[in-house]
Amino acid sequence: MEYLYFKHGLTIPGKLLLMTGLLFFSAIPLSQAQGCIAIRSTGTTFVMSQEHASLDTTTSWIFNANNRYFKSFRHFIGDIEQKQRQTMGTEVINHQYTLDLSITHILKNPRWSVFADLPILSNSRSSLYEHHNVGRFKTYSFGIGDIRVAAYGWLINPRHFPLGNVQVGLGIKLPTGNDDYQDYFHLTDTSLILGPVDQSIQLGDGGTGITAEINAYYTFSHVLSAYGNFFYLLNPMDVNGVSTTRGGMPSPASVANTSSVMSVPDQYMVRGGVNLSFNDLLISLGLKDECLPVHDLIGGSDGFRRPGYIISVEPGITYNIRKTTLYAFLPVAIVRNRTQSVPDIITTKMTGVYTHGDAAFADYVINVGYSYTF
């Protein structure tokens, strides 16, 4: 998602346009698991400097590295926090780290570009219930996630209107991440069983997906600008067949409501805000909504998933040093909602008793990284 700048004919200083684009397409992951809500990494956006994005560009490659970390431990059913989980010491605690490495190639016509992203994940999950409540133990996962490639193009010729634009992107998410990563679970203090780790720390979802994006920006003045992003991952596959029983046998109830195997869900992200530019420094403030929906747009929605959404206030800072851009963003959750899943709905209909599972969420997410043009 590059931002096009021009060395000549700007009515607003190129530095401002540069920094506006640096925030709008700040190199942070579009989506990533927020605790038990398995919104996985689908790659990073990327930034472009004035030197390599001008029409007479000689530079056509951008490398970006983003580091993302969070700790989830607050359980919610709907939007109601289950505070007793921490009081009783039964909360599930996820520590999740992702390093997204991406490369962008700007084509000869700089309105068009192609992009590839490789996520590397390191996760741990601490719980009691997964280990038959004999003690609090951890399971782990480490490796590459689902690779994403995409192509992007601007709808408006920036020669005609450089102050604002709309960009569309279309891509594919490949099932390169292991969706059946396994570790040992405790049956007793000394007896272990090998099984797939929880869906929230699996490295991939097992499906081939299609990604669609819309991005827009507008520069109001030398100081003020605005940005907006929309991203949707379409996963047509219904379930990936990976067991949710942690090495055990599925119960008849879990088979009946389809939760005995993992779902391959859609996900989406909406993001928007404003930027304040001070020479090479850009300060931003926006809102971000990340969601794993109950029902997919195409294909079935069976299997185990923890649907829900997280709305965050997202402050950020970006600094440009020649060909290097440094940035830090800190989305802070203000709304967390674990919605009712398809297995919950099926169980409610079968038993006549309302069923609504929970999920653990993080308070905030740390994003820091840099991009380099060459």
Protein backbone atom coordinates (compact mmCIF):
# COMPACT_ATOMS: atom_id res chain seq x y z
CA MET A 1 0.00 0.00 0.00
CA GLU A 2 2.28 2.73 -1.15
CA TYR A 3 1.83 6.46 -0.99
CA LEU A 4 2.79 8.37 -4.15
CA TYR A 5 4.76 11.58 -3.84
CA PHE A 6 6.15 13.99 -6.38
CA LYS A 7 9.35 15.97 -6.36
CA HIS A 8 7.86 18.71 -8.51
CA GLY A 9 4.63 20.66 -8.62
CA LEU A 10 3.40 20.06 -5.06
CA THR A 11 1.17 22.71 -3.53
CA ILE A 12 1.96 21.24 -0.08
CA PRO A 13 5.51 20.46 1.05
CA GLY A 14 6.65 17.00 0.01
CA LYS A 15 7.79 16.33 3.58
CA LEU A 16 4.22 16.59 4.82
CA LEU A 17 2.91 14.31 2.11
CA LEU A 18 5.68 11.88 2.90
CA MET A 19 4.85 11.78 6.60
CA THR A 20 1.12 11.60 5.91
CA GLY A 21 1.71 8.48 3.85
CA LEU A 22 4.06 7.06 6.43
CA LEU A 23 1.30 7.00 8.97
CA PHE A 24 -1.57 6.12 6.66
CA PHE A 25 0.34 3.11 5.39
CA SER A 26 2.30 2.66 8.60
CA ALA A 27 4.07 -0.66 8.52
CA ILE A 28 2.08 -2.48 11.16
CA PRO A 29 0.17 -5.72 10.85
CA LEU A 30 -3.32 -5.43 9.47
CA SER A 31 -4.55 -8.08 11.83
CA GLN A 32 -3.19 -10.39 14.43
CA ALA A 33 -4.65 -12.65 17.08
CA GLN A 34 -5.93 -10.65 20.05
CA GLY A 35 -5.69 -13.41 22.64
CA CYS A 36 -8.17 -16.25 22.24
CA ILE A 37 -9.80 -14.46 19.31
CA ALA A 38 -7.72 -16.06 16.55
CA ILE A 39 -7.39 -13.06 14.24
CA ARG A 40 -4.10 -14.10 12.70
CA SER A 41 -1.43 -12.02 11.08
CA THR A 42 -2.19 -11.39 7.42
CA GLY A 43 0.86 -9.30 6.68
CA THR A 44 1.94 -5.72 7.04
CA THR A 45 1.19 -2.63 5.12
CA PHE A 46 4.23 -0.70 3.99
CA VAL A 47 5.58 2.79 3.51
CA MET A 48 7.16 4.62 0.63
CA SER A 49 9.49 7.60 0.64
CA GLN A 50 9.38 10.62 -1.66
CA GLU A 51 12.62 9.67 -3.38
CA HIS A 52 11.51 6.24 -4.55
CA ALA A 53 7.84 7.01 -5.10
CA SER A 54 8.20 9.93 -7.47
CA LEU A 55 7.38 9.44 -11.13
CA ASP A 56 11.07 9.50 -12.09
CA THR A 57 11.89 6.90 -9.45
CA THR A 58 15.08 4.88 -9.53
CA THR A 59 14.31 2.97 -6.33
CA SER A 60 11.70 0.25 -6.51
CA TRP A 61 12.04 -1.91 -3.39
CA ILE A 62 10.91 -1.47 0.21
CA PHE A 63 11.75 -3.78 3.10
CA ASN A 64 9.75 -3.66 6.30
CA ALA A 65 10.15 -5.41 9.65
CA ASN A 66 7.42 -5.12 12.25
CA ASN A 67 7.44 -6.50 15.80
CA ARG A 68 4.11 -7.10 17.51
CA TYR A 69 3.53 -8.35 21.06
CA PHE A 70 0.67 -8.64 23.49
CA LYS A 71 -0.45 -10.52 26.57
CA SER A 72 -4.10 -11.58 26.79
CA PHE A 73 -5.71 -12.55 30.08
CA ARG A 74 -9.04 -10.70 30.49
CA HIS A 75 -11.99 -13.02 29.76
CA PHE A 76 -15.22 -11.75 28.21
CA ILE A 77 -18.60 -13.28 27.42
CA GLY A 78 -20.18 -10.81 25.06
CA ASP A 79 -18.90 -7.45 26.29
CA ILE A 80 -19.03 -8.44 29.97
CA GLU A 81 -15.66 -9.09 31.60
CA GLN A 82 -15.49 -12.28 33.65
CA LYS A 83 -13.45 -10.78 36.48
CA GLN A 84 -13.88 -13.87 38.64
CA ARG A 85 -11.48 -15.73 36.35
CA GLN A 86 -8.52 -13.68 37.60
CA THR A 87 -9.78 -13.74 41.19
CA MET A 88 -9.97 -17.52 41.08
CA GLY A 89 -6.73 -17.89 39.13
CA THR A 90 -8.40 -19.78 36.27
CA GLU A 91 -7.72 -17.26 33.50
CA VAL A 92 -5.94 -18.32 30.32
CA ILE A 93 -2.82 -16.28 29.59
CA ASN A 94 -1.45 -15.99 26.06
CA HIS A 95 1.87 -14.35 25.21
CA GLN A 96 2.05 -13.79 21.46
CA TYR A 97 4.87 -12.31 19.39
CA THR A 98 4.98 -11.86 15.62
CA LEU A 99 7.80 -10.64 13.41
CA ASP A 100 6.40 -9.64 10.01
CA LEU A 101 8.98 -9.40 7.24
CA SER A 102 7.65 -7.86 4.04
CA ILE A 103 9.05 -6.76 0.70
CA THR A 104 7.39 -4.44 -1.80
CA HIS A 105 8.23 -3.90 -5.46
CA ILE A 106 7.01 -0.74 -7.18
CA LEU A 107 6.41 -1.36 -10.87
CA LYS A 108 7.56 0.90 -13.69
CA ASN A 109 4.24 2.66 -13.45
CA PRO A 110 4.42 3.68 -9.77
CA ARG A 111 0.65 3.65 -9.46
CA TRP A 112 1.01 -0.13 -9.24
CA SER A 113 2.93 -2.32 -6.82
CA VAL A 114 3.21 -5.89 -5.61
CA PHE A 115 3.79 -7.07 -2.08
CA ALA A 116 4.76 -10.22 -0.15
CA ASP A 117 4.79 -10.85 3.59
CA LEU A 118 6.30 -13.60 5.75
CA PRO A 119 5.15 -13.73 9.39
CA ILE A 120 7.24 -15.54 12.01
CA LEU A 121 5.35 -16.36 15.21
CA SER A 122 6.34 -17.34 18.74
CA ASN A 123 3.44 -18.05 21.12
CA SER A 124 2.85 -19.50 24.56
CA ARG A 125 -0.40 -20.36 26.33
CA SER A 126 -0.78 -20.93 30.07
CA SER A 127 -3.94 -22.57 31.40
CA LEU A 128 -5.43 -24.93 33.96
CA TYR A 129 -8.42 -26.44 32.15
CA GLU A 130 -6.37 -27.70 29.19
CA HIS A 131 -4.29 -29.77 31.65
CA HIS A 132 -7.22 -31.37 33.52
CA ASN A 133 -6.82 -28.77 36.30
CA VAL A 134 -3.88 -30.65 37.81
CA GLY A 135 -1.82 -27.47 37.60
CA ARG A 136 -1.02 -24.45 35.44
CA PHE A 137 1.15 -25.49 32.51
CA LYS A 138 2.18 -23.97 29.20
CA THR A 139 1.98 -25.00 25.58
CA TYR A 140 4.01 -23.37 22.81
CA SER A 141 4.11 -22.81 19.07
CA PHE A 142 6.87 -21.39 16.88
CA GLY A 143 7.37 -21.08 13.12
CA ILE A 144 6.26 -19.28 9.99
CA GLY A 145 2.65 -18.24 9.56
CA ASP A 146 0.49 -17.85 6.48
CA ILE A 147 2.31 -16.01 3.69
CA ARG A 148 0.38 -13.30 1.87
CA VAL A 149 0.99 -11.77 -1.57
CA ALA A 150 -0.99 -8.88 -3.02
CA ALA A 151 -1.14 -6.27 -5.78
CA TYR A 152 -2.17 -2.62 -5.31
CA GLY A 153 -3.26 0.26 -7.52
CA TRP A 154 -4.39 3.87 -7.04
CA LEU A 155 -7.81 4.78 -8.47
CA ILE A 156 -6.95 8.44 -9.08
CA ASN A 157 -3.94 9.57 -11.07
CA PRO A 158 -1.81 11.38 -8.45
CA ARG A 159 -0.66 13.81 -11.16
CA HIS A 160 -4.17 15.23 -11.23
CA PHE A 161 -4.91 15.29 -7.50
CA PRO A 162 -1.91 14.67 -5.22
CA LEU A 163 -3.65 15.73 -1.99
CA GLY A 164 -5.93 12.72 -1.74
CA ASN A 165 -6.43 9.30 -3.23
CA VAL A 166 -8.04 5.90 -2.93
CA GLN A 167 -6.16 2.65 -3.33
CA VAL A 168 -7.48 -0.87 -3.84
CA GLY A 169 -5.65 -4.12 -3.26
CA LEU A 170 -6.30 -7.75 -4.05
CA GLY A 171 -4.26 -10.64 -2.71
CA ILE A 172 -4.06 -14.26 -1.69
CA LYS A 173 -3.25 -15.81 1.68
CA LEU A 174 -1.47 -19.14 1.40
CA PRO A 175 -1.82 -21.94 4.00
CA THR A 176 1.93 -22.04 4.75
CA GLY A 177 1.52 -21.83 8.53
CA ASN A 178 1.12 -25.10 10.41
CA ASP A 179 -2.56 -25.40 11.42
CA ASP A 180 -1.90 -28.62 13.38
CA TYR A 181 0.97 -27.55 15.61
CA GLN A 182 1.18 -29.93 18.58
CA ASP A 183 2.52 -29.87 22.11
CA TYR A 184 2.11 -31.91 25.29
CA PHE A 185 -0.84 -31.60 27.68
CA HIS A 186 -0.95 -32.92 31.23
CA LEU A 187 -3.37 -35.69 32.13
CA THR A 188 -1.82 -35.96 35.59
CA ASP A 189 1.28 -34.47 37.19
CA THR A 190 3.42 -37.04 35.41
CA SER A 191 1.30 -38.28 32.49
CA LEU A 192 1.33 -36.33 29.21
CA ILE A 193 -0.53 -36.55 25.91
CA LEU A 194 0.42 -34.99 22.59
CA GLY A 195 -2.22 -32.98 20.78
CA PRO A 196 -2.90 -29.85 18.70
CA VAL A 197 -2.46 -26.60 20.62
CA ASP A 198 -5.33 -24.16 21.01
CA GLN A 199 -6.60 -22.44 17.90
CA SER A 200 -5.43 -19.05 19.18
CA ILE A 201 -1.75 -20.03 19.03
CA GLN A 202 -1.84 -22.17 15.89
CA LEU A 203 0.51 -20.78 13.23
CA GLY A 204 -2.06 -20.87 10.43
CA ASP A 205 -5.72 -21.58 9.75
CA GLY A 206 -5.22 -24.19 7.01
CA GLY A 207 -7.17 -22.34 4.33
CA THR A 208 -6.32 -20.49 1.14
CA GLY A 209 -7.90 -17.06 1.43
CA ILE A 210 -8.53 -14.00 -0.70
CA THR A 211 -7.75 -10.54 0.68
CA ALA A 212 -9.42 -7.31 -0.43
CA GLU A 213 -8.38 -3.82 0.69
CA ILE A 214 -9.48 -0.22 0.32
CA ASN A 215 -7.27 2.62 1.55
CA ALA A 216 -7.78 6.36 1.39
CA TYR A 217 -6.10 9.54 2.57
CA TYR A 218 -6.66 13.28 2.36
CA THR A 219 -4.31 16.14 3.28
CA PHE A 220 -6.11 19.19 4.67
CA SER A 221 -3.14 21.46 5.45
CA HIS A 222 0.57 21.53 6.16
CA VAL A 223 -0.12 19.98 9.55
CA LEU A 224 -3.40 18.04 9.39
CA SER A 225 -4.28 14.96 7.34
CA ALA A 226 -6.57 11.95 7.63
CA TYR A 227 -6.37 8.28 6.68
CA GLY A 228 -8.62 5.23 6.45
CA ASN A 229 -8.10 1.52 5.83
CA PHE A 230 -10.41 -1.42 5.22
CA PHE A 231 -9.19 -5.02 4.97
CA TYR A 232 -11.14 -8.26 4.54
CA LEU A 233 -9.84 -11.84 4.47
CA LEU A 234 -12.24 -14.20 2.74
CA ASN A 235 -11.73 -17.85 3.76
CA PRO A 236 -14.05 -20.12 1.70
CA MET A 237 -12.96 -23.32 3.51
CA ASP A 238 -15.37 -24.42 6.23
CA VAL A 239 -13.21 -26.46 8.65
CA ASN A 240 -9.60 -27.65 8.50
CA GLY A 241 -10.17 -30.97 10.27
CA VAL A 242 -7.73 -30.26 13.13
CA SER A 243 -9.00 -31.66 16.42
CA THR A 244 -9.84 -29.37 19.33
CA THR A 245 -9.63 -32.16 21.92
CA ARG A 246 -5.90 -31.72 22.77
CA GLY A 247 -5.07 -35.33 21.96
CA GLY A 248 -8.25 -36.82 23.43
CA MET A 249 -11.46 -38.15 21.93
CA PRO A 250 -14.27 -35.74 20.96
CA SER A 251 -17.47 -35.83 22.96
CA PRO A 252 -20.80 -36.57 21.23
CA ALA A 253 -21.92 -33.01 22.05
CA SER A 254 -18.86 -31.44 20.38
CA VAL A 255 -19.38 -33.59 17.28
CA ALA A 256 -23.06 -32.60 17.17
CA ASN A 257 -22.35 -28.86 17.38
CA THR A 258 -19.28 -29.15 15.05
CA SER A 259 -16.81 -27.78 17.65
CA SER A 260 -14.70 -30.96 17.65
CA VAL A 261 -12.66 -29.55 14.74
CA MET A 262 -11.28 -26.07 14.05
CA SER A 263 -13.04 -23.55 11.83
CA VAL A 264 -11.37 -21.55 9.04
CA PRO A 265 -12.90 -18.11 9.64
CA ASP A 266 -13.03 -14.84 7.75
CA GLN A 267 -11.66 -11.72 9.42
CA TYR A 268 -11.64 -7.99 8.78
CA MET A 269 -10.12 -4.74 9.99
CA VAL A 270 -11.32 -1.12 9.77
CA ARG A 271 -8.96 1.69 10.73
CA GLY A 272 -9.11 5.48 10.51
CA GLY A 273 -7.79 8.62 12.13
CA VAL A 274 -5.90 11.87 11.82
CA ASN A 275 -2.21 12.83 11.61
CA LEU A 276 -0.28 15.85 12.82
CA SER A 277 2.96 16.52 10.95
CA PHE A 278 6.01 18.26 12.43
CA ASN A 279 8.77 18.10 9.82
CA ASP A 280 10.16 14.53 9.99
CA LEU A 281 7.91 13.59 12.92
CA LEU A 282 4.32 12.41 12.55
CA ILE A 283 1.93 11.97 15.48
CA SER A 284 -1.31 10.11 14.89
CA LEU A 285 -4.50 9.19 16.66
CA GLY A 286 -7.18 6.88 15.34
CA LEU A 287 -9.65 4.08 15.98
CA LYS A 288 -9.20 0.47 14.94
CA ASP A 289 -11.78 -2.31 14.75
CA GLU A 290 -10.58 -5.90 14.32
CA CYS A 291 -13.21 -8.61 13.95
CA LEU A 292 -13.55 -12.34 13.49
CA PRO A 293 -17.18 -12.69 12.37
CA VAL A 294 -19.64 -15.39 13.41
CA HIS A 295 -20.53 -16.20 9.78
CA ASP A 296 -18.26 -16.17 6.72
CA LEU A 297 -19.27 -14.40 3.54
CA ILE A 298 -18.65 -17.52 1.42
CA GLY A 299 -18.63 -21.12 2.55
CA GLY A 300 -19.65 -22.70 5.81
CA SER A 301 -19.07 -21.30 9.30
CA ASP A 302 -19.00 -24.58 11.20
CA GLY A 303 -16.26 -25.73 13.54
CA PHE A 304 -14.70 -24.22 16.61
CA ARG A 305 -13.98 -20.51 16.51
CA ARG A 306 -14.13 -17.73 19.05
CA PRO A 307 -15.80 -14.93 17.09
CA GLY A 308 -15.64 -11.40 18.40
CA TYR A 309 -14.26 -7.94 17.88
CA ILE A 310 -11.88 -5.48 19.48
CA ILE A 311 -12.22 -1.71 19.12
CA SER A 312 -9.07 0.18 20.09
CA VAL A 313 -7.81 3.73 20.35
CA GLU A 314 -4.60 3.77 18.34
CA PRO A 315 -1.98 6.44 19.08
CA GLY A 316 1.21 6.32 17.06
CA ILE A 317 4.45 8.06 16.24
CA THR A 318 6.50 7.85 13.04
CA TYR A 319 9.94 9.31 12.33
CA ASN A 320 11.74 9.43 9.01
CA ILE A 321 15.56 9.35 8.73
CA ARG A 322 16.57 9.46 5.08
CA LYS A 323 15.77 5.99 3.70
CA THR A 324 14.73 4.56 7.06
CA THR A 325 11.38 5.02 8.78
CA LEU A 326 10.94 4.19 12.47
CA TYR A 327 7.50 3.83 14.04
CA ALA A 328 5.65 2.76 17.16
CA PHE A 329 1.90 2.21 17.62
CA LEU A 330 -0.03 1.21 20.73
CA PRO A 331 -3.65 0.18 20.12
CA VAL A 332 -5.44 0.25 23.50
CA ALA A 333 -8.68 -1.74 23.72
CA ILE A 334 -11.81 0.20 24.68
CA VAL A 335 -14.41 -2.41 23.61
CA ARG A 336 -13.96 -6.18 23.70
CA ASN A 337 -16.80 -8.50 22.73
CA ARG A 338 -16.80 -12.28 22.36
CA THR A 339 -19.87 -12.97 20.23
CA GLN A 340 -21.91 -16.19 20.12
CA SER A 341 -20.38 -18.77 17.77
CA VAL A 342 -22.12 -21.20 15.43
CA PRO A 343 -21.48 -24.15 17.85
CA ASP A 344 -22.93 -21.97 20.64
CA ILE A 345 -26.03 -21.34 18.53
CA ILE A 346 -26.39 -25.04 17.65
CA THR A 347 -26.02 -26.07 21.30
CA THR A 348 -28.61 -23.49 22.36
CA LYS A 349 -31.09 -24.93 19.83
CA MET A 350 -30.37 -28.56 20.78
CA THR A 351 -30.57 -28.10 24.56
CA GLY A 352 -32.89 -25.13 24.92
CA VAL A 353 -30.30 -23.56 27.24
CA TYR A 354 -28.60 -20.40 26.08
CA THR A 355 -24.90 -21.08 25.42
CA HIS A 356 -22.24 -18.42 24.93
CA GLY A 357 -18.53 -19.20 25.20
CA ASP A 358 -15.84 -16.81 26.42
CA ALA A 359 -12.49 -15.56 25.14
CA ALA A 360 -9.47 -13.81 26.61
CA PHE A 361 -8.37 -10.39 25.34
CA ALA A 362 -5.36 -8.13 25.72
CA ASP A 363 -5.43 -4.62 27.18
CA TYR A 364 -3.10 -3.28 24.51
CA VAL A 365 -0.81 -4.32 21.66
CA ILE A 366 2.76 -3.11 21.10
CA ASN A 367 3.83 -2.48 17.49
CA VAL A 368 7.35 -1.24 16.74
CA GLY A 369 9.37 -1.53 13.57
CA TYR A 370 11.12 0.08 10.68
CA SER A 371 11.11 0.18 6.88
CA TYR A 372 14.03 0.73 4.53
CA THR A 373 13.98 1.77 0.88
CA PHE A 374 16.58 0.66 -1.64
